[in-house]
N, C-alpha and C. Protein backbone atom coordinates (compact mmCIF):
# COMPACT_ATOMS: atom_id res chain seq x y z
N MET A 1 17.43 22.91 11.05
CA MET A 1 16.43 23.32 10.97
C MET A 1 17.00 24.94 11.88
N MET A 2 15.60 25.27 12.90
CA MET A 2 15.75 26.76 13.25
C MET A 2 16.12 26.45 14.56
N ARG A 3 16.81 27.99 14.73
CA ARG A 3 17.53 28.16 16.43
C ARG A 3 16.12 28.60 16.97
N ARG A 4 16.25 28.03 18.35
CA ARG A 4 15.65 28.68 19.54
C ARG A 4 15.94 29.39 20.16
N LYS A 5 14.94 30.09 21.15
CA LYS A 5 15.79 31.07 21.99
C LYS A 5 15.19 30.48 23.45
N GLU A 6 14.38 29.62 23.16
CA GLU A 6 13.87 28.60 24.71
C GLU A 6 14.71 27.36 24.70
N PRO A 7 14.51 26.64 25.79
CA PRO A 7 14.98 25.22 26.16
C PRO A 7 13.74 24.42 25.48
N TYR A 8 13.65 23.16 24.87
CA TYR A 8 12.82 22.35 24.36
C TYR A 8 13.26 20.92 24.16
N ASN A 9 12.29 20.42 24.26
CA ASN A 9 12.65 18.88 24.22
C ASN A 9 11.60 18.17 23.46
N GLU A 10 12.32 17.73 21.93
CA GLU A 10 11.22 16.79 21.07
C GLU A 10 10.75 15.63 21.68
N ALA A 11 9.82 15.47 22.01
CA ALA A 11 9.04 14.82 22.51
C ALA A 11 8.82 13.33 21.31
N SER A 12 9.97 12.58 21.27
CA SER A 12 9.98 11.53 19.98
C SER A 12 8.96 10.30 20.13
N GLN A 13 9.02 10.18 21.55
CA GLN A 13 7.91 8.91 21.47
C GLN A 13 6.44 9.94 21.28
N LEU A 14 6.37 11.24 21.08
CA LEU A 14 5.19 11.85 20.66
C LEU A 14 5.30 12.01 19.11
N THR A 15 5.63 11.00 18.31
CA THR A 15 5.36 11.39 16.72
C THR A 15 4.74 10.17 16.48
N ILE A 16 3.99 11.37 15.04
CA ILE A 16 3.02 10.35 14.41
C ILE A 16 3.48 10.56 12.76
N SER A 17 3.29 9.51 12.17
CA SER A 17 3.87 9.31 10.70
C SER A 17 2.49 9.23 9.75
N HIS A 18 2.49 10.43 8.89
CA HIS A 18 1.29 10.49 7.93
C HIS A 18 1.65 10.62 6.51
N ASP A 19 0.85 9.76 5.51
CA ASP A 19 1.11 9.60 4.21
C ASP A 19 -0.06 10.75 3.68
N ILE A 20 0.36 11.22 2.66
CA ILE A 20 -0.16 12.00 1.80
C ILE A 20 0.28 11.82 0.32
N ARG A 21 -0.81 12.10 -0.85
CA ARG A 21 -0.51 11.95 -1.84
C ARG A 21 -0.86 13.31 -2.62
N VAL A 22 -0.04 13.87 -3.25
CA VAL A 22 0.25 15.37 -3.93
C VAL A 22 -0.94 14.85 -5.13
N ARG A 23 -2.08 16.38 -4.99
CA ARG A 23 -3.26 16.51 -6.00
C ARG A 23 -2.46 17.42 -6.84
N PHE A 24 -3.63 16.87 -7.87
CA PHE A 24 -3.18 17.93 -9.13
C PHE A 24 -3.35 19.34 -8.93
N ASN A 25 -4.31 19.65 -8.08
CA ASN A 25 -4.43 21.24 -7.65
C ASN A 25 -3.35 21.61 -7.02
N GLU A 26 -2.78 21.03 -6.48
CA GLU A 26 -1.55 21.23 -5.52
C GLU A 26 -0.18 22.10 -6.06
N THR A 27 -0.36 21.56 -7.32
CA THR A 27 0.96 21.94 -8.26
C THR A 27 0.74 23.09 -9.37
N ASP A 28 1.72 23.53 -9.85
CA ASP A 28 2.08 24.69 -10.50
C ASP A 28 2.07 23.73 -11.99
N PRO A 29 1.81 25.11 -12.94
CA PRO A 29 2.03 24.73 -14.49
C PRO A 29 3.00 23.44 -14.97
N LEU A 30 4.42 23.05 -14.04
CA LEU A 30 4.95 22.34 -14.36
C LEU A 30 5.30 20.90 -13.25
N GLY A 31 3.86 21.13 -12.96
CA GLY A 31 3.61 19.70 -11.97
C GLY A 31 4.25 19.48 -10.74
N ILE A 32 5.10 20.79 -10.19
CA ILE A 32 5.73 20.44 -9.11
C ILE A 32 4.77 21.55 -7.72
N VAL A 33 4.63 20.72 -6.56
CA VAL A 33 3.62 21.09 -5.80
C VAL A 33 4.16 22.92 -5.12
N TRP A 34 3.26 23.88 -5.02
CA TRP A 34 3.27 24.96 -5.00
C TRP A 34 3.75 25.40 -3.39
N HIS A 35 4.48 25.89 -3.20
CA HIS A 35 5.55 26.05 -2.19
C HIS A 35 4.55 26.62 -1.08
N GLY A 36 3.06 27.24 -1.10
CA GLY A 36 2.38 27.32 0.09
C GLY A 36 1.54 26.31 0.46
N TYR A 37 1.62 25.01 -0.12
CA TYR A 37 1.03 23.74 0.29
C TYR A 37 1.71 22.78 1.28
N TYR A 38 2.74 23.45 1.60
CA TYR A 38 3.69 22.62 2.40
C TYR A 38 3.36 22.99 3.91
N ILE A 39 2.75 23.92 4.16
CA ILE A 39 2.27 24.30 5.44
C ILE A 39 1.06 23.70 5.28
N THR A 40 -0.28 23.34 4.56
CA THR A 40 -0.98 22.41 4.19
C THR A 40 -0.77 21.11 4.69
N TYR A 41 0.29 20.70 4.77
CA TYR A 41 0.93 19.43 4.51
C TYR A 41 0.84 19.08 6.25
N PHE A 42 1.60 20.50 6.70
CA PHE A 42 2.05 20.60 8.19
C PHE A 42 0.56 20.38 8.69
N GLU A 43 -0.47 20.88 8.25
CA GLU A 43 -1.73 20.90 8.54
C GLU A 43 -2.26 19.36 9.08
N ASP A 44 -2.15 18.49 7.95
CA ASP A 44 -2.38 17.32 7.92
C ASP A 44 -1.69 16.87 8.84
N GLY A 45 -0.27 16.73 8.69
CA GLY A 45 0.26 16.04 9.86
C GLY A 45 -0.05 16.51 11.37
N ARG A 46 -0.55 17.72 11.67
CA ARG A 46 -0.88 17.88 13.07
C ARG A 46 -2.15 17.63 13.27
N GLU A 47 -3.09 17.25 12.09
CA GLU A 47 -4.62 16.29 12.71
C GLU A 47 -4.27 15.35 12.63
N ALA A 48 -3.17 14.51 11.85
CA ALA A 48 -3.29 12.98 12.45
C ALA A 48 -2.74 12.92 13.75
N PHE A 49 -1.76 13.57 14.21
CA PHE A 49 -1.12 13.68 15.33
C PHE A 49 -1.99 13.87 16.23
N GLY A 50 -3.27 15.00 16.13
CA GLY A 50 -4.06 14.90 17.41
C GLY A 50 -4.84 14.06 17.32
N ARG A 51 -5.39 13.25 16.23
CA ARG A 51 -6.41 12.09 16.39
C ARG A 51 -5.77 11.19 17.10
N HIS A 52 -4.43 10.96 16.71
CA HIS A 52 -3.85 9.50 17.35
C HIS A 52 -3.54 9.94 18.81
N HIS A 53 -2.84 11.18 19.07
CA HIS A 53 -2.87 11.09 20.79
C HIS A 53 -3.64 11.85 21.52
N GLY A 54 -4.87 12.34 20.75
CA GLY A 54 -6.10 12.66 21.84
C GLY A 54 -5.89 13.98 22.05
N ILE A 55 -5.51 14.92 21.23
CA ILE A 55 -5.46 16.29 21.24
C ILE A 55 -5.79 17.01 19.86
N SER A 56 -6.90 16.29 19.44
CA SER A 56 -7.04 17.26 18.27
C SER A 56 -7.92 18.31 18.15
N TYR A 57 -8.32 19.33 17.05
CA TYR A 57 -8.98 20.14 17.25
C TYR A 57 -10.29 20.31 17.75
N LEU A 58 -10.90 19.03 17.78
CA LEU A 58 -12.56 18.93 18.45
C LEU A 58 -12.22 18.61 19.74
N ASP A 59 -10.90 17.92 20.69
CA ASP A 59 -10.60 17.83 21.59
C ASP A 59 -10.39 19.24 22.12
N VAL A 60 -9.51 19.84 21.53
CA VAL A 60 -9.66 21.63 22.22
C VAL A 60 -10.70 22.58 22.09
N ASP A 61 -11.70 21.87 21.04
CA ASP A 61 -12.67 23.18 21.21
C ASP A 61 -13.98 22.83 22.37
N GLN A 62 -13.95 21.40 22.43
CA GLN A 62 -14.72 20.75 23.49
C GLN A 62 -14.67 21.40 25.15
N ASN A 63 -13.25 21.33 24.54
CA ASN A 63 -12.57 22.16 26.14
C ASN A 63 -12.46 23.41 26.11
N GLY A 64 -13.01 23.99 25.49
CA GLY A 64 -13.34 25.52 25.44
C GLY A 64 -12.26 26.68 24.56
N PHE A 65 -11.67 25.67 24.07
CA PHE A 65 -10.37 26.66 23.58
C PHE A 65 -9.98 26.49 22.29
N THR A 66 -9.36 27.41 21.52
CA THR A 66 -8.95 27.48 20.49
C THR A 66 -7.42 27.70 20.06
N THR A 67 -6.79 27.09 19.02
CA THR A 67 -5.28 27.36 19.39
C THR A 67 -4.78 27.57 18.13
N PRO A 68 -4.67 29.12 17.73
CA PRO A 68 -4.45 29.93 16.83
C PRO A 68 -3.03 29.63 16.44
N ILE A 69 -2.57 29.79 15.33
CA ILE A 69 -1.02 29.58 14.81
C ILE A 69 -0.09 31.15 15.15
N VAL A 70 0.69 31.18 15.46
CA VAL A 70 1.24 32.60 15.96
C VAL A 70 2.92 32.68 14.94
N LYS A 71 3.09 31.19 14.53
CA LYS A 71 4.26 31.49 13.90
C LYS A 71 4.13 30.06 13.07
N SER A 72 4.62 30.26 11.41
CA SER A 72 5.18 29.06 10.82
C SER A 72 6.14 28.96 10.20
N VAL A 73 6.71 28.14 10.08
CA VAL A 73 7.95 28.48 9.54
C VAL A 73 8.21 26.96 8.51
N CYS A 74 8.67 27.00 7.19
CA CYS A 74 8.93 25.74 6.12
C CYS A 74 10.10 26.09 5.57
N GLU A 75 11.08 24.99 5.51
CA GLU A 75 12.31 25.10 4.65
C GLU A 75 12.21 24.09 3.79
N HIS A 76 12.44 24.67 2.54
CA HIS A 76 11.91 23.98 1.43
C HIS A 76 13.49 22.90 0.70
N LYS A 77 13.47 21.64 0.60
CA LYS A 77 15.09 21.14 0.48
C LYS A 77 14.76 20.28 -1.48
N LEU A 78 13.25 19.61 -1.40
CA LEU A 78 13.22 18.88 -2.60
C LEU A 78 11.88 19.31 -3.26
N SER A 79 11.68 19.26 -4.22
CA SER A 79 10.13 19.34 -4.73
C SER A 79 9.33 18.15 -4.89
N LEU A 80 8.13 18.04 -4.30
CA LEU A 80 7.45 16.74 -4.88
C LEU A 80 6.46 17.28 -6.31
N ARG A 81 6.46 16.59 -6.69
CA ARG A 81 5.26 16.54 -7.70
C ARG A 81 4.01 15.94 -7.62
N TYR A 82 3.35 16.25 -8.54
CA TYR A 82 1.93 15.79 -8.88
C TYR A 82 2.16 13.77 -8.63
N GLY A 83 1.15 13.36 -7.93
CA GLY A 83 0.77 12.12 -7.85
C GLY A 83 2.22 11.40 -6.71
N ASP A 84 2.85 12.35 -6.24
CA ASP A 84 3.94 11.56 -5.42
C ASP A 84 3.26 11.00 -4.32
N VAL A 85 3.93 10.55 -3.18
CA VAL A 85 3.39 9.86 -2.00
C VAL A 85 4.58 10.34 -1.50
N ALA A 86 4.23 11.18 0.33
CA ALA A 86 4.81 11.86 0.46
C ALA A 86 4.68 11.10 2.10
N ARG A 87 5.53 11.33 2.80
CA ARG A 87 5.36 11.23 4.30
C ARG A 87 5.90 11.93 5.06
N ILE A 88 4.90 12.60 6.18
CA ILE A 88 5.00 13.66 6.84
C ILE A 88 5.00 13.03 8.68
N GLU A 89 6.07 13.71 8.89
CA GLU A 89 6.64 12.80 10.62
C GLU A 89 6.15 14.14 11.11
N THR A 90 5.14 14.13 12.36
CA THR A 90 4.91 15.25 13.09
C THR A 90 5.17 14.99 14.25
N THR A 91 6.16 15.79 15.23
CA THR A 91 6.25 15.63 16.46
C THR A 91 6.00 16.69 17.22
N ILE A 92 5.39 16.65 18.73
CA ILE A 92 5.01 18.03 19.34
C ILE A 92 6.58 18.16 20.02
N VAL A 93 6.81 19.47 20.43
CA VAL A 93 7.75 19.92 21.36
C VAL A 93 7.45 20.09 22.88
N ASP A 94 7.81 19.43 23.59
CA ASP A 94 7.31 19.77 25.17
C ASP A 94 7.95 21.30 25.94
N SER A 95 7.41 22.30 25.52
CA SER A 95 7.33 23.57 26.21
C SER A 95 6.76 23.65 27.89
N PRO A 96 7.17 24.49 28.75
CA PRO A 96 6.25 25.10 30.02
C PRO A 96 5.65 26.27 29.70
N ALA A 97 5.62 27.08 28.63
CA ALA A 97 4.74 27.90 28.11
C ALA A 97 3.38 27.21 27.56
N ALA A 98 2.65 28.14 27.56
CA ALA A 98 1.07 27.95 27.48
C ALA A 98 1.15 27.91 25.87
N LYS A 99 1.73 26.99 25.23
CA LYS A 99 1.59 27.01 23.49
C LYS A 99 2.13 25.53 23.46
N MET A 100 1.33 25.17 21.93
CA MET A 100 1.95 24.27 21.15
C MET A 100 3.17 23.93 19.94
N ILE A 101 4.15 23.37 20.57
CA ILE A 101 4.87 23.47 19.18
C ILE A 101 5.06 22.16 18.68
N PHE A 102 5.17 22.34 17.52
CA PHE A 102 5.07 21.43 16.38
C PHE A 102 6.37 21.15 15.53
N VAL A 103 7.00 20.29 15.17
CA VAL A 103 8.23 20.50 14.35
C VAL A 103 7.97 19.38 13.45
N TYR A 104 8.36 19.36 11.87
CA TYR A 104 7.53 18.92 11.10
C TYR A 104 9.08 17.86 9.83
N LYS A 105 8.92 16.97 9.45
CA LYS A 105 9.63 16.86 8.15
C LYS A 105 9.02 15.83 7.34
N ILE A 106 8.91 16.31 6.11
CA ILE A 106 8.25 15.72 4.93
C ILE A 106 9.36 14.89 4.29
N PHE A 107 9.06 13.72 3.91
CA PHE A 107 9.81 13.05 3.13
C PHE A 107 9.28 12.30 2.05
N ASP A 108 10.29 11.91 0.77
CA ASP A 108 9.41 11.29 -0.39
C ASP A 108 9.98 10.21 -0.52
N ARG A 109 9.14 9.73 -1.61
CA ARG A 109 9.12 7.67 -1.69
C ARG A 109 10.64 7.19 -1.25
N ASN A 110 11.57 8.13 -1.49
CA ASN A 110 12.98 7.55 -1.64
C ASN A 110 13.52 8.07 -0.19
N ASN A 111 12.64 8.31 0.58
CA ASN A 111 13.13 8.51 2.41
C ASN A 111 14.10 9.72 2.42
N LYS A 112 13.86 10.79 1.24
CA LYS A 112 14.74 11.87 1.33
C LYS A 112 13.90 12.92 1.87
N VAL A 113 14.36 14.27 2.51
CA VAL A 113 13.56 15.20 3.26
C VAL A 113 13.84 16.04 2.20
N VAL A 114 12.04 16.11 1.95
CA VAL A 114 11.69 17.23 1.02
C VAL A 114 11.82 18.78 1.88
N ALA A 115 11.18 18.82 2.76
CA ALA A 115 11.03 19.92 3.78
C ALA A 115 10.82 19.62 5.22
N THR A 116 11.10 20.61 5.92
CA THR A 116 11.34 20.64 7.37
C THR A 116 10.40 22.10 7.99
N GLY A 117 10.08 21.95 8.83
CA GLY A 117 9.12 23.40 9.55
C GLY A 117 8.69 23.22 10.93
N GLU A 118 8.17 24.07 11.50
CA GLU A 118 7.65 24.11 13.17
C GLU A 118 6.48 24.86 12.69
N THR A 119 5.67 24.98 13.87
CA THR A 119 4.48 25.91 13.42
C THR A 119 4.46 26.04 15.56
N VAL A 120 3.76 27.13 15.54
CA VAL A 120 3.55 27.60 17.41
C VAL A 120 1.99 27.86 17.41
N GLN A 121 1.34 27.43 18.27
CA GLN A 121 -0.06 27.60 18.36
C GLN A 121 0.01 27.96 20.07
N VAL A 122 -1.12 29.01 20.14
CA VAL A 122 -1.66 29.45 21.63
C VAL A 122 -2.75 29.21 22.04
N PHE A 123 -2.87 29.25 23.20
CA PHE A 123 -4.36 28.78 23.81
C PHE A 123 -5.15 30.12 23.73
N MET A 124 -6.33 30.27 23.41
CA MET A 124 -7.23 31.30 23.28
C MET A 124 -8.84 30.45 24.07
N ASN A 125 -9.25 31.50 24.81
CA ASN A 125 -10.51 30.94 25.44
C ASN A 125 -11.68 31.49 24.34
N ARG A 126 -12.89 30.92 24.72
CA ARG A 126 -14.04 31.21 24.01
C ARG A 126 -13.99 32.90 23.80
N GLU A 127 -13.66 33.44 24.95
CA GLU A 127 -13.45 35.15 24.72
C GLU A 127 -12.68 35.79 23.80
N GLY A 128 -11.71 34.77 23.35
CA GLY A 128 -10.44 35.31 22.45
C GLY A 128 -9.54 35.82 23.47
N GLU A 129 -9.68 35.13 24.80
CA GLU A 129 -8.61 35.86 25.41
C GLU A 129 -7.22 35.01 25.59
N LEU A 130 -6.04 35.12 25.28
CA LEU A 130 -4.77 35.01 25.21
C LEU A 130 -4.59 34.07 26.69
N MET A 131 -4.36 33.18 26.76
CA MET A 131 -4.05 32.13 27.81
C MET A 131 -2.70 31.97 28.51
N LEU A 132 -2.32 32.92 29.47
CA LEU A 132 -1.14 32.50 29.92
C LEU A 132 -0.48 31.77 30.78
N THR A 133 -1.00 30.41 30.80
CA THR A 133 -0.56 29.39 31.52
C THR A 133 -1.66 28.37 30.63
N ASN A 134 -1.01 26.94 30.77
CA ASN A 134 -1.51 25.99 30.41
C ASN A 134 -2.98 25.75 30.48
N PRO A 135 -3.85 25.55 29.82
CA PRO A 135 -5.14 24.98 30.32
C PRO A 135 -5.45 23.54 31.10
N PRO A 136 -6.53 23.65 31.93
CA PRO A 136 -6.12 22.19 32.43
C PRO A 136 -6.44 21.18 31.84
N PHE A 137 -7.18 21.15 30.62
CA PHE A 137 -7.13 19.85 30.11
C PHE A 137 -5.62 19.26 29.22
N PHE A 138 -5.12 20.45 28.81
CA PHE A 138 -3.73 20.32 28.24
C PHE A 138 -2.71 20.04 29.22
N GLU A 139 -2.72 20.23 30.61
CA GLU A 139 -1.72 19.62 31.77
C GLU A 139 -2.08 18.50 31.86
N ASP A 140 -3.51 18.01 32.06
CA ASP A 140 -3.77 16.64 32.07
C ASP A 140 -3.59 15.93 30.81
N TRP A 141 -3.48 16.25 29.56
CA TRP A 141 -2.91 15.72 28.61
C TRP A 141 -1.30 15.34 28.85
N LYS A 142 -0.66 16.36 29.20
CA LYS A 142 0.63 16.28 28.87
C LYS A 142 1.12 15.18 30.35
N ARG A 143 0.34 15.29 31.31
CA ARG A 143 0.53 14.25 32.35
C ARG A 143 0.16 12.58 31.55
N LYS A 144 -0.88 12.33 31.08
CA LYS A 144 -1.37 11.31 30.49
C LYS A 144 -0.22 10.81 29.67
N VAL A 145 0.27 11.75 28.90
CA VAL A 145 1.46 11.20 27.99
C VAL A 145 2.92 11.25 28.35
N GLY A 146 3.27 11.85 29.49
CA GLY A 146 4.31 11.53 29.95
C GLY A 146 5.50 12.80 30.16
N LEU A 147 4.59 13.74 29.61
CA LEU A 147 5.56 15.16 29.61
C LEU A 147 5.57 15.89 30.69
N LEU A 148 4.55 15.72 31.81
CA LEU A 148 4.76 16.03 32.87
C LEU A 148 5.24 15.41 33.93
């Protein structure tokens, strides 16, 4: 996958697996998923992770923050096609910095890796100011799930 400049730990116990079915509108004229939709599949995985682990976009918003993506990477290995059911594994990466890092693996029905990737999100308050330290609610969440 990607090489990092900072040390990190994939919090493997904080992984969610989520199935998606490839829709017709996500494919090109050859029936192959257009490359840009893999980032959407990552978002599907991230939203499933957030709902399952109590750190959804709505949870973040209710605490007065947003988490815009500042980096996204996708490495394509195989193609998905219309009608395929794929599994997205989404794992949070523990980082001391004020950001959320997720890594993704997308598997086809034969359990072959279709794509891998990563996204990085930062915290911004309602005034649009970048947070340089983790917001208190995120620190509390990290304690609750055993990352602190």
